[in-house]
């Protein structure tokens, strides 16, 4: 049970190149990569993504090491603002699923000011580890009745990705976006780093200073785990190349 970053087709185009059809859009960062190693359902959910965004400088650098490929970071917040601006121009609609009623109320007020042409609906599901069939029935009914152009899901990883993957066929929505922490950033309940810190790739350090008790394990330990896993994946790749599988006698390679 392993997630191999080198095998994931990370999105590397402009967001305005996203097709206007039903899409499952997820993001991946170092923390996601770490926790996916022991969660096959989460791995499956990420691999089923129509679009998987490289959300973090660590993912960008790791992809360059593993695949000798340059990609650019596209954060969940980048996706959010792109979608909201697009919907504002077209008079579209979006549904916010997740977070607390207080956070959703803040989002609705701010979004109403910044994007007055967007029709908005919100729902705060029960804060539980696993939803019941009744919980899911209510969520799907509310989303499908509204039939939004974009569904934003903010339940934290990996819960949001698993839910989106499991219910993808049942949801009547256009772009289905699992964007987690963006709900709190946009609502203002959690401070986001200044743009200059984000640009140099140290947003994680800003978040660590803001919430050390909650995030020290994710960043101080998690970052070392991520580097170890990426180097291990690279070593395995080099070993495979230098020691190709031997073919049975009498069989020629093509």
C-alpha atoms as a PDB file:
ATOM      1  CA  UNK A   1       0.000   0.000   0.000  1.00  0.00           C
ATOM      2  CA  UNK A   2       1.976   2.953  -1.299  1.00  0.00           C
ATOM      3  CA  UNK A   3       1.224   6.157  -3.146  1.00  0.00           C
ATOM      4  CA  UNK A   4       3.886   6.932  -5.739  1.00  0.00           C
ATOM      5  CA  UNK A   5       4.101  10.619  -6.529  1.00  0.00           C
ATOM      6  CA  UNK A   6       6.057   9.862  -9.697  1.00  0.00           C
ATOM      7  CA  UNK A   7       3.038   7.971 -11.074  1.00  0.00           C
ATOM      8  CA  UNK A   8       0.493  10.727 -10.422  1.00  0.00           C
ATOM      9  CA  UNK A   9      -0.410  12.933 -13.412  1.00  0.00           C
ATOM     10  CA  UNK A  10      -0.402  16.300 -11.659  1.00  0.00           C
ATOM     11  CA  UNK A  11      -2.163  19.158 -13.413  1.00  0.00           C
ATOM     12  CA  UNK A  12       0.240  21.650 -14.960  1.00  0.00           C
ATOM     13  CA  UNK A  13      -1.905  23.908 -17.143  1.00  0.00           C
ATOM     14  CA  UNK A  14      -3.603  27.213 -16.454  1.00  0.00           C
ATOM     15  CA  UNK A  15      -6.838  26.898 -14.535  1.00  0.00           C
ATOM     16  CA  UNK A  16      -8.700  28.603 -17.366  1.00  0.00           C
ATOM     17  CA  UNK A  17      -7.907  25.476 -19.414  1.00  0.00           C
ATOM     18  CA  UNK A  18     -10.170  23.350 -17.202  1.00  0.00           C
ATOM     19  CA  UNK A  19     -12.972  21.899 -19.342  1.00  0.00           C
ATOM     20  CA  UNK A  20     -16.495  23.021 -18.596  1.00  0.00           C
ATOM     21  CA  UNK A  21     -17.852  19.609 -17.644  1.00  0.00           C
ATOM     22  CA  UNK A  22     -18.253  17.466 -14.553  1.00  0.00           C
ATOM     23  CA  UNK A  23     -14.843  17.078 -12.942  1.00  0.00           C
ATOM     24  CA  UNK A  24     -13.474  15.725  -9.671  1.00  0.00           C
ATOM     25  CA  UNK A  25     -10.737  18.151  -8.628  1.00  0.00           C
ATOM     26  CA  UNK A  26      -8.442  17.367  -5.697  1.00  0.00           C
ATOM     27  CA  UNK A  27      -5.207  18.800  -4.361  1.00  0.00           C
ATOM     28  CA  UNK A  28      -2.141  17.106  -2.935  1.00  0.00           C
ATOM     29  CA  UNK A  29       0.529  18.454  -0.597  1.00  0.00           C
ATOM     30  CA  UNK A  30       3.231  16.862   1.545  1.00  0.00           C
ATOM     31  CA  UNK A  31       0.821  16.135   4.396  1.00  0.00           C
ATOM     32  CA  UNK A  32      -1.629  14.446   2.014  1.00  0.00           C
ATOM     33  CA  UNK A  33       1.171  12.340   0.543  1.00  0.00           C
ATOM     34  CA  UNK A  34       2.259  11.220   4.008  1.00  0.00           C
ATOM     35  CA  UNK A  35      -1.152  10.187   5.315  1.00  0.00           C
ATOM     36  CA  UNK A  36      -2.056   8.448   2.052  1.00  0.00           C
ATOM     37  CA  UNK A  37       0.719   5.893   2.580  1.00  0.00           C
ATOM     38  CA  UNK A  38      -1.439   4.018   5.097  1.00  0.00           C
ATOM     39  CA  UNK A  39      -4.856   4.633   3.589  1.00  0.00           C
ATOM     40  CA  UNK A  40      -5.768   2.691   0.457  1.00  0.00           C
ATOM     41  CA  UNK A  41      -9.185   4.362   0.140  1.00  0.00           C
ATOM     42  CA  UNK A  42      -7.489   7.754   0.143  1.00  0.00           C
ATOM     43  CA  UNK A  43      -5.000   6.583  -2.488  1.00  0.00           C
ATOM     44  CA  UNK A  44      -7.898   5.385  -4.638  1.00  0.00           C
ATOM     45  CA  UNK A  45      -9.682   8.710  -4.234  1.00  0.00           C
ATOM     46  CA  UNK A  46      -6.599  10.681  -5.305  1.00  0.00           C
ATOM     47  CA  UNK A  47      -5.965   8.389  -8.267  1.00  0.00           C
ATOM     48  CA  UNK A  48      -9.573   8.821  -9.431  1.00  0.00           C
ATOM     49  CA  UNK A  49      -9.161  12.599  -9.649  1.00  0.00           C
ATOM     50  CA  UNK A  50      -9.903  14.105 -13.038  1.00  0.00           C
ATOM     51  CA  UNK A  51      -7.617  16.949 -11.981  1.00  0.00           C
ATOM     52  CA  UNK A  52      -5.013  16.718  -9.207  1.00  0.00           C
ATOM     53  CA  UNK A  53      -3.406  20.033  -8.290  1.00  0.00           C
ATOM     54  CA  UNK A  54       0.149  20.292  -6.864  1.00  0.00           C
ATOM     55  CA  UNK A  55      -0.654  22.289  -3.727  1.00  0.00           C
ATOM     56  CA  UNK A  56       2.737  23.047  -2.195  1.00  0.00           C
ATOM     57  CA  UNK A  57       6.323  23.842  -3.070  1.00  0.00           C
ATOM     58  CA  UNK A  58       7.370  20.469  -1.624  1.00  0.00           C
ATOM     59  CA  UNK A  59       5.271  18.631  -4.214  1.00  0.00           C
ATOM     60  CA  UNK A  60       6.694  20.798  -7.007  1.00  0.00           C
ATOM     61  CA  UNK A  61      10.296  20.067  -5.950  1.00  0.00           C
ATOM     62  CA  UNK A  62       9.616  16.368  -5.383  1.00  0.00           C
ATOM     63  CA  UNK A  63       8.068  15.985  -8.833  1.00  0.00           C
ATOM     64  CA  UNK A  64      11.127  17.626 -10.345  1.00  0.00           C
ATOM     65  CA  UNK A  65      13.390  15.166  -8.524  1.00  0.00           C
ATOM     66  CA  UNK A  66      11.342  12.091  -9.373  1.00  0.00           C
ATOM     67  CA  UNK A  67      10.327  12.839 -12.946  1.00  0.00           C
ATOM     68  CA  UNK A  68      12.756  15.576 -14.015  1.00  0.00           C
ATOM     69  CA  UNK A  69       9.644  17.580 -14.747  1.00  0.00           C
ATOM     70  CA  UNK A  70       9.010  21.228 -13.921  1.00  0.00           C
ATOM     71  CA  UNK A  71       5.497  21.989 -12.746  1.00  0.00           C
ATOM     72  CA  UNK A  72       4.071  25.032 -11.016  1.00  0.00           C
ATOM     73  CA  UNK A  73       2.247  25.161  -7.721  1.00  0.00           C
ATOM     74  CA  UNK A  74      -1.534  25.530  -7.865  1.00  0.00           C
ATOM     75  CA  UNK A  75      -3.047  25.842  -4.408  1.00  0.00           C
ATOM     76  CA  UNK A  76      -6.597  25.115  -3.372  1.00  0.00           C
ATOM     77  CA  UNK A  77      -7.059  28.846  -2.822  1.00  0.00           C
ATOM     78  CA  UNK A  78      -5.964  29.519  -6.419  1.00  0.00           C
ATOM     79  CA  UNK A  79      -8.675  27.142  -7.601  1.00  0.00           C
ATOM     80  CA  UNK A  80     -11.258  28.745  -5.316  1.00  0.00           C
ATOM     81  CA  UNK A  81     -10.671  32.310  -6.493  1.00  0.00           C
ATOM     82  CA  UNK A  82     -10.538  31.215 -10.123  1.00  0.00           C
ATOM     83  CA  UNK A  83     -13.876  29.429  -9.818  1.00  0.00           C
ATOM     84  CA  UNK A  84     -15.557  32.304  -7.982  1.00  0.00           C
ATOM     85  CA  UNK A  85     -14.398  34.880 -10.534  1.00  0.00           C
ATOM     86  CA  UNK A  86     -15.575  32.622 -13.353  1.00  0.00           C
ATOM     87  CA  UNK A  87     -18.971  32.152 -11.741  1.00  0.00           C
ATOM     88  CA  UNK A  88     -19.303  35.861 -11.041  1.00  0.00           C
ATOM     89  CA  UNK A  89     -18.817  36.632 -14.734  1.00  0.00           C
ATOM     90  CA  UNK A  90     -21.335  34.023 -15.856  1.00  0.00           C
ATOM     91  CA  UNK A  91     -23.868  34.448 -13.047  1.00  0.00           C
ATOM     92  CA  UNK A  92     -23.261  30.882 -11.951  1.00  0.00           C
ATOM     93  CA  UNK A  93     -23.826  29.071  -8.677  1.00  0.00           C
ATOM     94  CA  UNK A  94     -21.784  27.293  -6.027  1.00  0.00           C
ATOM     95  CA  UNK A  95     -22.464  25.133  -2.998  1.00  0.00           C
ATOM     96  CA  UNK A  96     -20.258  25.064   0.116  1.00  0.00           C
ATOM     97  CA  UNK A  97     -20.334  21.712   1.907  1.00  0.00           C
ATOM     98  CA  UNK A  98     -18.496  21.372   5.206  1.00  0.00           C
ATOM     99  CA  UNK A  99     -17.182  23.415   8.126  1.00  0.00           C
ATOM    100  CA  UNK A 100     -19.247  24.998  10.901  1.00  0.00           C
ATOM    101  CA  UNK A 101     -22.427  27.078  10.477  1.00  0.00           C
ATOM    102  CA  UNK A 102     -20.525  30.124  11.773  1.00  0.00           C
ATOM    103  CA  UNK A 103     -17.738  29.726   9.203  1.00  0.00           C
ATOM    104  CA  UNK A 104     -20.240  29.184   6.395  1.00  0.00           C
ATOM    105  CA  UNK A 105     -22.142  32.313   7.431  1.00  0.00           C
ATOM    106  CA  UNK A 106     -18.908  34.329   7.197  1.00  0.00           C
ATOM    107  CA  UNK A 107     -18.159  32.828   3.795  1.00  0.00           C
ATOM    108  CA  UNK A 108     -21.603  33.692   2.490  1.00  0.00           C
ATOM    109  CA  UNK A 109     -21.338  37.308   3.645  1.00  0.00           C
ATOM    110  CA  UNK A 110     -17.851  37.867   2.202  1.00  0.00           C
ATOM    111  CA  UNK A 111     -18.617  36.038  -1.034  1.00  0.00           C
ATOM    112  CA  UNK A 112     -21.799  38.072  -1.418  1.00  0.00           C
ATOM    113  CA  UNK A 113     -19.729  41.263  -1.301  1.00  0.00           C
ATOM    114  CA  UNK A 114     -16.850  40.102  -3.519  1.00  0.00           C
ATOM    115  CA  UNK A 115     -18.907  38.051  -5.975  1.00  0.00           C
ATOM    116  CA  UNK A 116     -22.420  39.533  -6.010  1.00  0.00           C
ATOM    117  CA  UNK A 117     -23.495  37.697  -9.180  1.00  0.00           C
ATOM    118  CA  UNK A 118     -22.839  34.228  -7.754  1.00  0.00           C
ATOM    119  CA  UNK A 119     -25.770  32.285  -6.311  1.00  0.00           C
ATOM    120  CA  UNK A 120     -24.623  30.589  -3.103  1.00  0.00           C
ATOM    121  CA  UNK A 121     -25.939  27.773  -0.934  1.00  0.00           C
ATOM    122  CA  UNK A 122     -24.238  26.241   2.123  1.00  0.00           C
ATOM    123  CA  UNK A 123     -24.634  23.235   4.380  1.00  0.00           C
ATOM    124  CA  UNK A 124     -22.770  22.201   7.524  1.00  0.00           C
ATOM    125  CA  UNK A 125     -22.885  18.403   7.883  1.00  0.00           C
ATOM    126  CA  UNK A 126     -22.539  16.665  11.256  1.00  0.00           C
ATOM    127  CA  UNK A 127     -19.031  16.787  12.709  1.00  0.00           C
ATOM    128  CA  UNK A 128     -18.493  13.028  12.862  1.00  0.00           C
ATOM    129  CA  UNK A 129     -15.781  10.623  11.775  1.00  0.00           C
ATOM    130  CA  UNK A 130     -18.155   8.742   9.480  1.00  0.00           C
ATOM    131  CA  UNK A 131     -21.438   9.875   7.967  1.00  0.00           C
ATOM    132  CA  UNK A 132     -24.551   7.731   8.237  1.00  0.00           C
ATOM    133  CA  UNK A 133     -26.701   6.878   5.226  1.00  0.00           C
ATOM    134  CA  UNK A 134     -29.166   9.469   6.489  1.00  0.00           C
ATOM    135  CA  UNK A 135     -26.430  12.130   6.654  1.00  0.00           C
ATOM    136  CA  UNK A 136     -25.411  11.383   3.073  1.00  0.00           C
ATOM    137  CA  UNK A 137     -29.008  11.403   1.880  1.00  0.00           C
ATOM    138  CA  UNK A 138     -29.542  14.892   3.289  1.00  0.00           C
ATOM    139  CA  UNK A 139     -26.287  16.247   1.805  1.00  0.00           C
ATOM    140  CA  UNK A 140     -26.966  14.833  -1.636  1.00  0.00           C
ATOM    141  CA  UNK A 141     -30.559  16.043  -1.588  1.00  0.00           C
ATOM    142  CA  UNK A 142     -29.536  19.608  -0.731  1.00  0.00           C
ATOM    143  CA  UNK A 143     -26.742  19.711  -3.320  1.00  0.00           C
ATOM    144  CA  UNK A 144     -28.777  18.174  -6.118  1.00  0.00           C
ATOM    145  CA  UNK A 145     -31.795  20.356  -5.462  1.00  0.00           C
ATOM    146  CA  UNK A 146     -29.553  23.415  -5.927  1.00  0.00           C
ATOM    147  CA  UNK A 147     -27.671  21.822  -8.866  1.00  0.00           C
ATOM    148  CA  UNK A 148     -24.580  24.075  -8.544  1.00  0.00           C
ATOM    149  CA  UNK A 149     -22.003  24.794 -11.212  1.00  0.00           C
ATOM    150  CA  UNK A 150     -19.316  24.262  -8.573  1.00  0.00           C
ATOM    151  CA  UNK A 151     -19.368  22.229  -5.368  1.00  0.00           C
ATOM    152  CA  UNK A 152     -16.737  23.226  -2.799  1.00  0.00           C
ATOM    153  CA  UNK A 153     -16.062  20.569  -0.150  1.00  0.00           C
ATOM    154  CA  UNK A 154     -14.265  21.544   3.055  1.00  0.00           C
ATOM    155  CA  UNK A 155     -14.078  18.592   5.442  1.00  0.00           C
ATOM    156  CA  UNK A 156     -10.255  18.279   5.701  1.00  0.00           C
ATOM    157  CA  UNK A 157      -8.208  15.535   4.073  1.00  0.00           C
ATOM    158  CA  UNK A 158      -8.710  12.646   3.580  1.00  0.00           C
ATOM    159  CA  UNK A 159     -12.402  12.753   4.514  1.00  0.00           C
ATOM    160  CA  UNK A 160     -13.346  15.237   1.803  1.00  0.00           C
ATOM    161  CA  UNK A 161     -11.558  13.381  -1.003  1.00  0.00           C
ATOM    162  CA  UNK A 162     -13.069  10.038   0.007  1.00  0.00           C
ATOM    163  CA  UNK A 163     -16.565  11.529   0.187  1.00  0.00           C
ATOM    164  CA  UNK A 164     -16.211  13.235  -3.191  1.00  0.00           C
ATOM    165  CA  UNK A 165     -14.894  10.087  -4.854  1.00  0.00           C
ATOM    166  CA  UNK A 166     -17.558   7.831  -3.339  1.00  0.00           C
ATOM    167  CA  UNK A 167     -20.439  10.167  -4.216  1.00  0.00           C
ATOM    168  CA  UNK A 168     -19.181  11.556  -7.522  1.00  0.00           C
ATOM    169  CA  UNK A 169     -21.777   9.773  -9.666  1.00  0.00           C
ATOM    170  CA  UNK A 170     -24.607  10.766  -7.305  1.00  0.00           C
ATOM    171  CA  UNK A 171     -23.795  14.483  -7.211  1.00  0.00           C
ATOM    172  CA  UNK A 172     -25.375  16.875  -9.681  1.00  0.00           C
ATOM    173  CA  UNK A 173     -22.677  19.523  -9.964  1.00  0.00           C
ATOM    174  CA  UNK A 174     -20.059  20.753 -12.407  1.00  0.00           C
ATOM    175  CA  UNK A 175     -16.628  21.071 -10.860  1.00  0.00           C
ATOM    176  CA  UNK A 176     -16.432  19.174  -7.568  1.00  0.00           C
ATOM    177  CA  UNK A 177     -13.555  20.717  -5.623  1.00  0.00           C
ATOM    178  CA  UNK A 178     -12.101  19.389  -2.358  1.00  0.00           C
ATOM    179  CA  UNK A 179     -10.335  22.461  -0.975  1.00  0.00           C
ATOM    180  CA  UNK A 180     -10.218  21.955   2.797  1.00  0.00           C
ATOM    181  CA  UNK A 181      -8.532  24.827   4.615  1.00  0.00           C
ATOM    182  CA  UNK A 182      -9.686  27.405   2.055  1.00  0.00           C
ATOM    183  CA  UNK A 183     -13.013  27.622   3.873  1.00  0.00           C
ATOM    184  CA  UNK A 184     -11.309  28.969   7.001  1.00  0.00           C
ATOM    185  CA  UNK A 185      -8.920  31.204   5.055  1.00  0.00           C
ATOM    186  CA  UNK A 186     -11.716  32.868   3.118  1.00  0.00           C
ATOM    187  CA  UNK A 187     -13.957  33.166   6.171  1.00  0.00           C
ATOM    188  CA  UNK A 188     -11.108  34.801   8.097  1.00  0.00           C
ATOM    189  CA  UNK A 189     -11.212  32.308  10.953  1.00  0.00           C
ATOM    190  CA  UNK A 190      -7.612  31.300  10.111  1.00  0.00           C
ATOM    191  CA  UNK A 191      -5.006  33.812   8.947  1.00  0.00           C
ATOM    192  CA  UNK A 192      -3.215  33.099   5.684  1.00  0.00           C
ATOM    193  CA  UNK A 193       0.392  34.063   5.004  1.00  0.00           C
ATOM    194  CA  UNK A 194       1.179  37.295   3.121  1.00  0.00           C
ATOM    195  CA  UNK A 195       1.691  36.879  -0.630  1.00  0.00           C
ATOM    196  CA  UNK A 196       5.463  37.360  -0.432  1.00  0.00           C
ATOM    197  CA  UNK A 197       5.771  34.435   1.998  1.00  0.00           C
ATOM    198  CA  UNK A 198       3.559  32.266  -0.211  1.00  0.00           C
ATOM    199  CA  UNK A 199       5.654  33.099  -3.294  1.00  0.00           C
ATOM    200  CA  UNK A 200       8.928  31.985  -1.686  1.00  0.00           C
ATOM    201  CA  UNK A 201       7.387  28.705  -0.547  1.00  0.00           C
ATOM    202  CA  UNK A 202       7.261  29.262   3.204  1.00  0.00           C
ATOM    203  CA  UNK A 203       3.522  29.375   3.820  1.00  0.00           C
ATOM    204  CA  UNK A 204       3.887  26.203   5.903  1.00  0.00           C
ATOM    205  CA  UNK A 205       6.303  27.990   8.247  1.00  0.00           C
ATOM    206  CA  UNK A 206       3.882  30.897   8.685  1.00  0.00           C
ATOM    207  CA  UNK A 207       1.088  28.454   9.560  1.00  0.00           C
ATOM    208  CA  UNK A 208       3.375  26.673  12.010  1.00  0.00           C
ATOM    209  CA  UNK A 209       4.129  29.921  13.846  1.00  0.00           C
ATOM    210  CA  UNK A 210       0.421  30.787  13.953  1.00  0.00           C
ATOM    211  CA  UNK A 211      -0.715  27.384  15.254  1.00  0.00           C
ATOM    212  CA  UNK A 212       2.320  25.568  16.708  1.00  0.00           C
ATOM    213  CA  UNK A 213       0.416  23.278  19.076  1.00  0.00           C
ATOM    214  CA  UNK A 214      -1.851  21.967  16.329  1.00  0.00           C
ATOM    215  CA  UNK A 215       0.606  21.858  13.435  1.00  0.00           C
ATOM    216  CA  UNK A 216       4.061  21.089  14.885  1.00  0.00           C
ATOM    217  CA  UNK A 217       3.734  17.375  14.210  1.00  0.00           C
ATOM    218  CA  UNK A 218       2.496  17.897  10.645  1.00  0.00           C
ATOM    219  CA  UNK A 219       5.377  20.180   9.689  1.00  0.00           C
ATOM    220  CA  UNK A 220       8.356  19.454  11.959  1.00  0.00           C
ATOM    221  CA  UNK A 221       7.957  15.696  11.735  1.00  0.00           C
ATOM    222  CA  UNK A 222       5.854  15.418   8.590  1.00  0.00           C
ATOM    223  CA  UNK A 223       8.310  17.316   6.413  1.00  0.00           C
ATOM    224  CA  UNK A 224      11.134  14.937   7.335  1.00  0.00           C
ATOM    225  CA  UNK A 225       8.857  11.961   6.679  1.00  0.00           C
ATOM    226  CA  UNK A 226       7.953  13.403   3.281  1.00  0.00           C
ATOM    227  CA  UNK A 227      11.609  13.900   2.307  1.00  0.00           C
ATOM    228  CA  UNK A 228      12.413  10.338   3.413  1.00  0.00           C
ATOM    229  CA  UNK A 229       9.527   8.871   1.400  1.00  0.00           C
ATOM    230  CA  UNK A 230      10.435  10.849  -1.728  1.00  0.00           C
ATOM    231  CA  UNK A 231      14.123   9.843  -1.497  1.00  0.00           C
ATOM    232  CA  UNK A 232      13.028   6.235  -0.970  1.00  0.00           C
ATOM    233  CA  UNK A 233      10.800   6.414  -4.038  1.00  0.00           C
ATOM    234  CA  UNK A 234      13.670   7.902  -6.055  1.00  0.00           C
ATOM    235  CA  UNK A 235      16.082   5.197  -4.864  1.00  0.00           C
ATOM    236  CA  UNK A 236      13.606   2.469  -5.805  1.00  0.00           C
ATOM    237  CA  UNK A 237      13.212   4.027  -9.240  1.00  0.00           C
ATOM    238  CA  UNK A 238      16.977   4.147  -9.816  1.00  0.00           C
ATOM    239  CA  UNK A 239      17.333   0.579  -8.589  1.00  0.00           C
ATOM    240  CA  UNK A 240      14.679  -0.624 -11.030  1.00  0.00           C
ATOM    241  CA  UNK A 241      16.422   1.127 -13.915  1.00  0.00           C
ATOM    242  CA  UNK A 242      19.848  -0.267 -13.069  1.00  0.00           C
ATOM    243  CA  UNK A 243      18.510  -3.778 -12.413  1.00  0.00           C
ATOM    244  CA  UNK A 244      15.809  -4.426 -15.014  1.00  0.00           C
ATOM    245  CA  UNK A 245      13.719  -7.550 -14.618  1.00  0.00           C
ATOM    246  CA  UNK A 246      15.442 -10.491 -16.252  1.00  0.00           C
ATOM    247  CA  UNK A 247      13.467 -12.193 -19.003  1.00  0.00           C
ATOM    248  CA  UNK A 248      13.152 -15.998 -19.134  1.00  0.00           C
ATOM    249  CA  UNK A 249      15.654 -17.833 -21.284  1.00  0.00           C
ATOM    250  CA  UNK A 250      14.759 -17.718 -24.967  1.00  0.00           C
ATOM    251  CA  UNK A 251      12.582 -14.594 -24.597  1.00  0.00           C
ATOM    252  CA  UNK A 252      13.826 -11.454 -26.300  1.00  0.00           C
ATOM    253  CA  UNK A 253      13.043  -7.960 -25.157  1.00  0.00           C
ATOM    254  CA  UNK A 254      11.156  -5.761 -27.588  1.00  0.00           C
END
